Amino acid sequence: MLSSSTEESSVTATLRTKRDAAAEMEMEEEIEWRLKEMEGGRREAETGLEMVKRRKYGEDEEREKKNYKCTVW
């Protein structure tokens, strides 16, 4: 049979291990969340850039059409 102090130290070590494991999992989850957030922000920026390019391209097309009409008339 284990002595009382040995049992206490064993329980303390087990609790410390579980606490460390929980803290590590929490940090991993936070890192994963931050990476997903960064990736989402990057996607939003890329989407915004694509929209700007499309808008500019559309404006350029309209300008060319107007210029063409002016030269044809």
PDB file of N, CA and C in Angstrom:
ATOM      1  N   MET A   1       0.840  -1.173   0.000  1.00  0.00           N
ATOM      2  CA  MET A   1       0.000   0.000   0.000  1.00  0.00           C
ATOM      3  C   MET A   1       0.892   1.246   0.000  1.00  0.00           C
ATOM      4  N   LEU A   2       0.499   2.238  -0.817  1.00  0.00           N
ATOM      5  CA  LEU A   2       1.267   3.470  -0.932  1.00  0.00           C
ATOM      6  C   LEU A   2       1.039   4.357   0.284  1.00  0.00           C
ATOM      7  N   SER A   3       2.064   5.089   0.639  1.00  0.00           N
ATOM      8  CA  SER A   3       1.921   6.009   1.766  1.00  0.00           C
ATOM      9  C   SER A   3       1.094   7.209   1.324  1.00  0.00           C
ATOM     10  N   SER A   4       0.598   7.926   2.283  1.00  0.00           N
ATOM     11  CA  SER A   4      -0.257   9.074   2.011  1.00  0.00           C
ATOM     12  C   SER A   4       0.477  10.142   1.207  1.00  0.00           C
ATOM     13  N   SER A   5       1.717  10.412   1.551  1.00  0.00           N
ATOM     14  CA  SER A   5       2.476  11.447   0.836  1.00  0.00           C
ATOM     15  C   SER A   5       2.774  11.017  -0.598  1.00  0.00           C
ATOM     16  N   THR A   6       2.995   9.715  -0.816  1.00  0.00           N
ATOM     17  CA  THR A   6       3.249   9.209  -2.165  1.00  0.00           C
ATOM     18  C   THR A   6       1.991   9.339  -3.013  1.00  0.00           C
ATOM     19  N   GLU A   7       0.844   9.012  -2.423  1.00  0.00           N
ATOM     20  CA  GLU A   7      -0.426   9.151  -3.137  1.00  0.00           C
ATOM     21  C   GLU A   7      -0.683  10.612  -3.501  1.00  0.00           C
ATOM     22  N   GLU A   8      -0.417  11.500  -2.552  1.00  0.00           N
ATOM     23  CA  GLU A   8      -0.636  12.926  -2.797  1.00  0.00           C
ATOM     24  C   GLU A   8       0.259  13.434  -3.920  1.00  0.00           C
ATOM     25  N   SER A   9       1.507  13.037  -3.908  1.00  0.00           N
ATOM     26  CA  SER A   9       2.413  13.499  -4.963  1.00  0.00           C
ATOM     27  C   SER A   9       2.020  12.902  -6.311  1.00  0.00           C
ATOM     28  N   SER A  10       1.519  11.676  -6.303  1.00  0.00           N
ATOM     29  CA  SER A  10       1.069  11.042  -7.539  1.00  0.00           C
ATOM     30  C   SER A  10      -0.155  11.774  -8.099  1.00  0.00           C
ATOM     31  N   VAL A  11      -1.086  12.092  -7.216  1.00  0.00           N
ATOM     32  CA  VAL A  11      -2.294  12.819  -7.631  1.00  0.00           C
ATOM     33  C   VAL A  11      -1.914  14.212  -8.133  1.00  0.00           C
ATOM     34  N   THR A  12      -1.019  14.868  -7.418  1.00  0.00           N
ATOM     35  CA  THR A  12      -0.567  16.204  -7.814  1.00  0.00           C
ATOM     36  C   THR A  12       0.100  16.160  -9.180  1.00  0.00           C
ATOM     37  N   ALA A  13       0.930  15.161  -9.409  1.00  0.00           N
ATOM     38  CA  ALA A  13       1.610  15.017 -10.700  1.00  0.00           C
ATOM     39  C   ALA A  13       0.598  14.766 -11.814  1.00  0.00           C
ATOM     40  N   THR A  14      -0.404  13.936 -11.530  1.00  0.00           N
ATOM     41  CA  THR A  14      -1.438  13.643 -12.523  1.00  0.00           C
ATOM     42  C   THR A  14      -2.224  14.900 -12.861  1.00  0.00           C
ATOM     43  N   LEU A  15      -2.605  15.657 -11.835  1.00  0.00           N
ATOM     44  CA  LEU A  15      -3.348  16.898 -12.064  1.00  0.00           C
ATOM     45  C   LEU A  15      -2.512  17.903 -12.853  1.00  0.00           C
ATOM     46  N   ARG A  16      -1.240  17.997 -12.521  1.00  0.00           N
ATOM     47  CA  ARG A  16      -0.346  18.915 -13.227  1.00  0.00           C
ATOM     48  C   ARG A  16      -0.246  18.512 -14.696  1.00  0.00           C
ATOM     49  N   THR A  17      -0.130  17.212 -14.943  1.00  0.00           N
ATOM     50  CA  THR A  17      -0.037  16.714 -16.316  1.00  0.00           C
ATOM     51  C   THR A  17      -1.309  17.035 -17.088  1.00  0.00           C
ATOM     52  N   LYS A  18      -2.461  16.809 -16.467  1.00  0.00           N
ATOM     53  CA  LYS A  18      -3.733  17.105 -17.129  1.00  0.00           C
ATOM     54  C   LYS A  18      -3.874  18.604 -17.379  1.00  0.00           C
ATOM     55  N   ARG A  19      -3.467  19.403 -16.415  1.00  0.00           N
ATOM     56  CA  ARG A  19      -3.551  20.856 -16.558  1.00  0.00           C
ATOM     57  C   ARG A  19      -2.634  21.321 -17.692  1.00  0.00           C
ATOM     58  N   ASP A  20      -1.429  20.773 -17.750  1.00  0.00           N
ATOM     59  CA  ASP A  20      -0.493  21.120 -18.825  1.00  0.00           C
ATOM     60  C   ASP A  20      -1.047  20.717 -20.192  1.00  0.00           C
ATOM     61  N   ALA A  21      -1.643  19.531 -20.248  1.00  0.00           N
ATOM     62  CA  ALA A  21      -2.217  19.055 -21.508  1.00  0.00           C
ATOM     63  C   ALA A  21      -3.372  19.957 -21.939  1.00  0.00           C
ATOM     64  N   ALA A  22      -4.207  20.363 -20.982  1.00  0.00           N
ATOM     65  CA  ALA A  22      -5.331  21.245 -21.301  1.00  0.00           C
ATOM     66  C   ALA A  22      -4.830  22.606 -21.779  1.00  0.00           C
ATOM     67  N   ALA A  23      -3.802  23.127 -21.133  1.00  0.00           N
ATOM     68  CA  ALA A  23      -3.236  24.418 -21.535  1.00  0.00           C
ATOM     69  C   ALA A  23      -2.643  24.327 -22.936  1.00  0.00           C
ATOM     70  N   GLU A  24      -1.980  23.223 -23.228  1.00  0.00           N
ATOM     71  CA  GLU A  24      -1.391  23.030 -24.554  1.00  0.00           C
ATOM     72  C   GLU A  24      -2.478  22.948 -25.627  1.00  0.00           C
ATOM     73  N   MET A  25      -3.561  22.226 -25.332  1.00  0.00           N
ATOM     74  CA  MET A  25      -4.667  22.124 -26.280  1.00  0.00           C
ATOM     75  C   MET A  25      -5.284  23.500 -26.527  1.00  0.00           C
ATOM     76  N   GLU A  26      -5.429  24.263 -25.454  1.00  0.00           N
ATOM     77  CA  GLU A  26      -6.003  25.599 -25.578  1.00  0.00           C
ATOM     78  C   GLU A  26      -5.125  26.484 -26.462  1.00  0.00           C
ATOM     79  N   MET A  27      -3.818  26.407 -26.276  1.00  0.00           N
ATOM     80  CA  MET A  27      -2.897  27.196 -27.102  1.00  0.00           C
ATOM     81  C   MET A  27      -2.973  26.761 -28.561  1.00  0.00           C
ATOM     82  N   GLU A  28      -3.056  25.448 -28.795  1.00  0.00           N
ATOM     83  CA  GLU A  28      -3.147  24.946 -30.165  1.00  0.00           C
ATOM     84  C   GLU A  28      -4.429  25.430 -30.835  1.00  0.00           C
ATOM     85  N   GLU A  29      -5.546  25.412 -30.073  1.00  0.00           N
ATOM     86  CA  GLU A  29      -6.814  25.882 -30.617  1.00  0.00           C
ATOM     87  C   GLU A  29      -6.739  27.366 -30.959  1.00  0.00           C
ATOM     88  N   GLU A  30      -6.099  28.141 -30.088  1.00  0.00           N
ATOM     89  CA  GLU A  30      -5.967  29.575 -30.344  1.00  0.00           C
ATOM     90  C   GLU A  30      -5.106  29.830 -31.573  1.00  0.00           C
ATOM     91  N   ILE A  31      -4.020  29.089 -31.710  1.00  0.00           N
ATOM     92  CA  ILE A  31      -3.149  29.239 -32.884  1.00  0.00           C
ATOM     93  C   ILE A  31      -3.924  28.893 -34.151  1.00  0.00           C
ATOM     94  N   GLU A  32      -4.664  27.786 -34.101  1.00  0.00           N
ATOM     95  CA  GLU A  32      -5.448  27.368 -35.257  1.00  0.00           C
ATOM     96  C   GLU A  32      -6.483  28.431 -35.618  1.00  0.00           C
ATOM     97  N   TRP A  33      -7.147  28.982 -34.592  1.00  0.00           N
ATOM     98  CA  TRP A  33      -8.148  30.022 -34.813  1.00  0.00           C
ATOM     99  C   TRP A  33      -7.507  31.245 -35.464  1.00  0.00           C
ATOM    100  N   ARG A  34      -6.344  31.660 -34.953  1.00  0.00           N
ATOM    101  CA  ARG A  34      -5.654  32.837 -35.508  1.00  0.00           C
ATOM    102  C   ARG A  34      -5.231  32.598 -36.962  1.00  0.00           C
ATOM    103  N   LEU A  35      -4.764  31.388 -37.253  1.00  0.00           N
ATOM    104  CA  LEU A  35      -4.370  31.078 -38.630  1.00  0.00           C
ATOM    105  C   LEU A  35      -5.572  31.136 -39.564  1.00  0.00           C
ATOM    106  N   LYS A  36      -6.699  30.577 -39.110  1.00  0.00           N
ATOM    107  CA  LYS A  36      -7.910  30.628 -39.925  1.00  0.00           C
ATOM    108  C   LYS A  36      -8.358  32.069 -40.121  1.00  0.00           C
ATOM    109  N   GLU A  37      -8.247  32.874 -39.066  1.00  0.00           N
ATOM    110  CA  GLU A  37      -8.629  34.282 -39.149  1.00  0.00           C
ATOM    111  C   GLU A  37      -7.743  35.012 -40.160  1.00  0.00           C
ATOM    112  N   MET A  38      -6.449  34.739 -40.097  1.00  0.00           N
ATOM    113  CA  MET A  38      -5.519  35.371 -41.037  1.00  0.00           C
ATOM    114  C   MET A  38      -5.826  34.947 -42.467  1.00  0.00           C
ATOM    115  N   GLU A  39      -6.098  33.669 -42.663  1.00  0.00           N
ATOM    116  CA  GLU A  39      -6.400  33.158 -43.994  1.00  0.00           C
ATOM    117  C   GLU A  39      -7.690  33.786 -44.512  1.00  0.00           C
ATOM    118  N   GLY A  40      -8.680  33.905 -43.627  1.00  0.00           N
ATOM    119  CA  GLY A  40      -9.937  34.540 -44.018  1.00  0.00           C
ATOM    120  C   GLY A  40      -9.719  35.987 -44.414  1.00  0.00           C
ATOM    121  N   GLY A  41      -8.887  36.697 -43.673  1.00  0.00           N
ATOM    122  CA  GLY A  41      -8.576  38.081 -44.003  1.00  0.00           C
ATOM    123  C   GLY A  41      -7.869  38.194 -45.336  1.00  0.00           C
ATOM    124  N   ARG A  42      -6.984  37.262 -45.595  1.00  0.00           N
ATOM    125  CA  ARG A  42      -6.266  37.255 -46.868  1.00  0.00           C
ATOM    126  C   ARG A  42      -7.250  37.011 -48.007  1.00  0.00           C
ATOM    127  N   ARG A  43      -8.178  36.089 -47.800  1.00  0.00           N
ATOM    128  CA  ARG A  43      -9.168  35.806 -48.845  1.00  0.00           C
ATOM    129  C   ARG A  43     -10.037  37.032 -49.112  1.00  0.00           C
ATOM    130  N   GLU A  44     -10.440  37.711 -48.024  1.00  0.00           N
ATOM    131  CA  GLU A  44     -11.248  38.914 -48.193  1.00  0.00           C
ATOM    132  C   GLU A  44     -10.476  39.971 -48.970  1.00  0.00           C
ATOM    133  N   ALA A  45      -9.202  40.120 -48.663  1.00  0.00           N
ATOM    134  CA  ALA A  45      -8.377  41.105 -49.364  1.00  0.00           C
ATOM    135  C   ALA A  45      -8.255  40.736 -50.840  1.00  0.00           C
ATOM    136  N   GLU A  46      -8.046  39.449 -51.124  1.00  0.00           N
ATOM    137  CA  GLU A  46      -7.931  39.008 -52.512  1.00  0.00           C
ATOM    138  C   GLU A  46      -9.242  39.227 -53.253  1.00  0.00           C
ATOM    139  N   THR A  47     -10.358  38.920 -52.585  1.00  0.00           N
ATOM    140  CA  THR A  47     -11.665  39.115 -53.199  1.00  0.00           C
ATOM    141  C   THR A  47     -11.893  40.591 -53.478  1.00  0.00           C
ATOM    142  N   GLY A  48     -11.537  41.433 -52.518  1.00  0.00           N
ATOM    143  CA  GLY A  48     -11.680  42.872 -52.715  1.00  0.00           C
ATOM    144  C   GLY A  48     -10.844  43.368 -53.876  1.00  0.00           C
ATOM    145  N   LEU A  49      -9.634  42.866 -53.996  1.00  0.00           N
ATOM    146  CA  LEU A  49      -8.752  43.252 -55.095  1.00  0.00           C
ATOM    147  C   LEU A  49      -9.342  42.819 -56.430  1.00  0.00           C
ATOM    148  N   GLU A  50      -9.906  41.613 -56.465  1.00  0.00           N
ATOM    149  CA  GLU A  50     -10.534  41.131 -57.697  1.00  0.00           C
ATOM    150  C   GLU A  50     -11.704  42.030 -58.084  1.00  0.00           C
ATOM    151  N   MET A  51     -12.491  42.440 -57.084  1.00  0.00           N
ATOM    152  CA  MET A  51     -13.626  43.314 -57.360  1.00  0.00           C
ATOM    153  C   MET A  51     -13.152  44.655 -57.920  1.00  0.00           C
ATOM    154  N   VAL A  52     -12.092  45.190 -57.338  1.00  0.00           N
ATOM    155  CA  VAL A  52     -11.548  46.461 -57.821  1.00  0.00           C
ATOM    156  C   VAL A  52     -11.056  46.302 -59.249  1.00  0.00           C
ATOM    157  N   LYS A  53     -10.360  45.202 -59.516  1.00  0.00           N
ATOM    158  CA  LYS A  53      -9.856  44.971 -60.872  1.00  0.00           C
ATOM    159  C   LYS A  53     -11.012  44.860 -61.859  1.00  0.00           C
ATOM    160  N   ARG A  54     -12.064  44.111 -61.470  1.00  0.00           N
ATOM    161  CA  ARG A  54     -13.217  43.958 -62.360  1.00  0.00           C
ATOM    162  C   ARG A  54     -13.882  45.309 -62.607  1.00  0.00           C
ATOM    163  N   ARG A  55     -14.024  46.073 -61.544  1.00  0.00           N
ATOM    164  CA  ARG A  55     -14.656  47.382 -61.668  1.00  0.00           C
ATOM    165  C   ARG A  55     -13.826  48.270 -62.595  1.00  0.00           C
ATOM    166  N   LYS A  56     -12.519  48.268 -62.390  1.00  0.00           N
ATOM    167  CA  LYS A  56     -11.634  49.082 -63.229  1.00  0.00           C
ATOM    168  C   LYS A  56     -11.696  48.597 -64.674  1.00  0.00           C
ATOM    169  N   TYR A  57     -11.684  47.292 -64.854  1.00  0.00           N
ATOM    170  CA  TYR A  57     -11.750  46.736 -66.202  1.00  0.00           C
ATOM    171  C   TYR A  57     -13.066  47.135 -66.858  1.00  0.00           C
ATOM    172  N   GLY A  58     -14.151  47.048 -66.075  1.00  0.00           N
ATOM    173  CA  GLY A  58     -15.458  47.447 -66.601  1.00  0.00           C
ATOM    174  C   GLY A  58     -15.483  48.913 -66.976  1.00  0.00           C
ATOM    175  N   GLU A  59     -14.889  49.761 -66.149  1.00  0.00           N
ATOM    176  CA  GLU A  59     -14.821  51.190 -66.451  1.00  0.00           C
ATOM    177  C   GLU A  59     -13.977  51.426 -67.697  1.00  0.00           C
ATOM    178  N   ASP A  60     -12.881  50.702 -67.810  1.00  0.00           N
ATOM    179  CA  ASP A  60     -12.025  50.841 -68.991  1.00  0.00           C
ATOM    180  C   ASP A  60     -12.784  50.436 -70.253  1.00  0.00           C
ATOM    181  N   GLU A  61     -13.571  49.366 -70.163  1.00  0.00           N
ATOM    182  CA  GLU A  61     -14.359  48.914 -71.311  1.00  0.00           C
ATOM    183  C   GLU A  61     -15.375  49.974 -71.709  1.00  0.00           C
ATOM    184  N   GLU A  62     -16.062  50.533 -70.698  1.00  0.00           N
ATOM    185  CA  GLU A  62     -17.058  51.562 -70.981  1.00  0.00           C
ATOM    186  C   GLU A  62     -16.400  52.784 -71.621  1.00  0.00           C
ATOM    187  N   ARG A  63     -15.243  53.170 -71.109  1.00  0.00           N
ATOM    188  CA  ARG A  63     -14.523  54.319 -71.653  1.00  0.00           C
ATOM    189  C   ARG A  63     -14.139  54.053 -73.110  1.00  0.00           C
ATOM    190  N   GLU A  64     -13.687  52.833 -73.399  1.00  0.00           N
ATOM    191  CA  GLU A  64     -13.316  52.481 -74.770  1.00  0.00           C
ATOM    192  C   GLU A  64     -14.531  52.529 -75.691  1.00  0.00           C
ATOM    193  N   LYS A  65     -15.678  52.038 -75.199  1.00  0.00           N
ATOM    194  CA  LYS A  65     -16.900  52.069 -76.007  1.00  0.00           C
ATOM    195  C   LYS A  65     -17.287  53.511 -76.315  1.00  0.00           C
ATOM    196  N   LYS A  66     -17.216  54.383 -75.300  1.00  0.00           N
ATOM    197  CA  LYS A  66     -17.562  55.790 -75.508  1.00  0.00           C
ATOM    198  C   LYS A  66     -16.600  56.428 -76.499  1.00  0.00           C
ATOM    199  N   ASN A  67     -15.311  56.135 -76.333  1.00  0.00           N
ATOM    200  CA  ASN A  67     -14.315  56.691 -77.253  1.00  0.00           C
ATOM    201  C   ASN A  67     -14.542  56.187 -78.673  1.00  0.00           C
ATOM    202  N   TYR A  68     -14.914  54.927 -78.803  1.00  0.00           N
ATOM    203  CA  TYR A  68     -15.167  54.351 -80.117  1.00  0.00           C
ATOM    204  C   TYR A  68     -16.358  55.047 -80.761  1.00  0.00           C
ATOM    205  N   LYS A  69     -17.428  55.250 -79.974  1.00  0.00           N
ATOM    206  CA  LYS A  69     -18.614  55.926 -80.499  1.00  0.00           C
ATOM    207  C   LYS A  69     -18.263  57.341 -80.946  1.00  0.00           C
ATOM    208  N   CYS A  70     -17.417  58.005 -80.176  1.00  0.00           N
ATOM    209  CA  CYS A  70     -17.023  59.376 -80.523  1.00  0.00           C
ATOM    210  C   CYS A  70     -16.220  59.418 -81.817  1.00  0.00           C
ATOM    211  N   THR A  71     -15.381  58.434 -82.023  1.00  0.00           N
ATOM    212  CA  THR A  71     -14.555  58.434 -83.233  1.00  0.00           C
ATOM    213  C   THR A  71     -15.363  58.010 -84.443  1.00  0.00           C
ATOM    214  N   VAL A  72     -16.391  57.181 -84.244  1.00  0.00           N
ATOM    215  CA  VAL A  72     -17.207  56.706 -85.353  1.00  0.00           C
ATOM    216  C   VAL A  72     -18.149  57.805 -85.806  1.00  0.00           C
ATOM    217  N   TRP A  73     -18.665  58.592 -84.913  1.00  0.00           N
ATOM    218  CA  TRP A  73     -19.628  59.643 -85.271  1.00  0.00           C
ATOM    219  C   TRP A  73     -18.971  60.655 -86.040  1.00  0.00           C
TER     220      TRP A  73
END
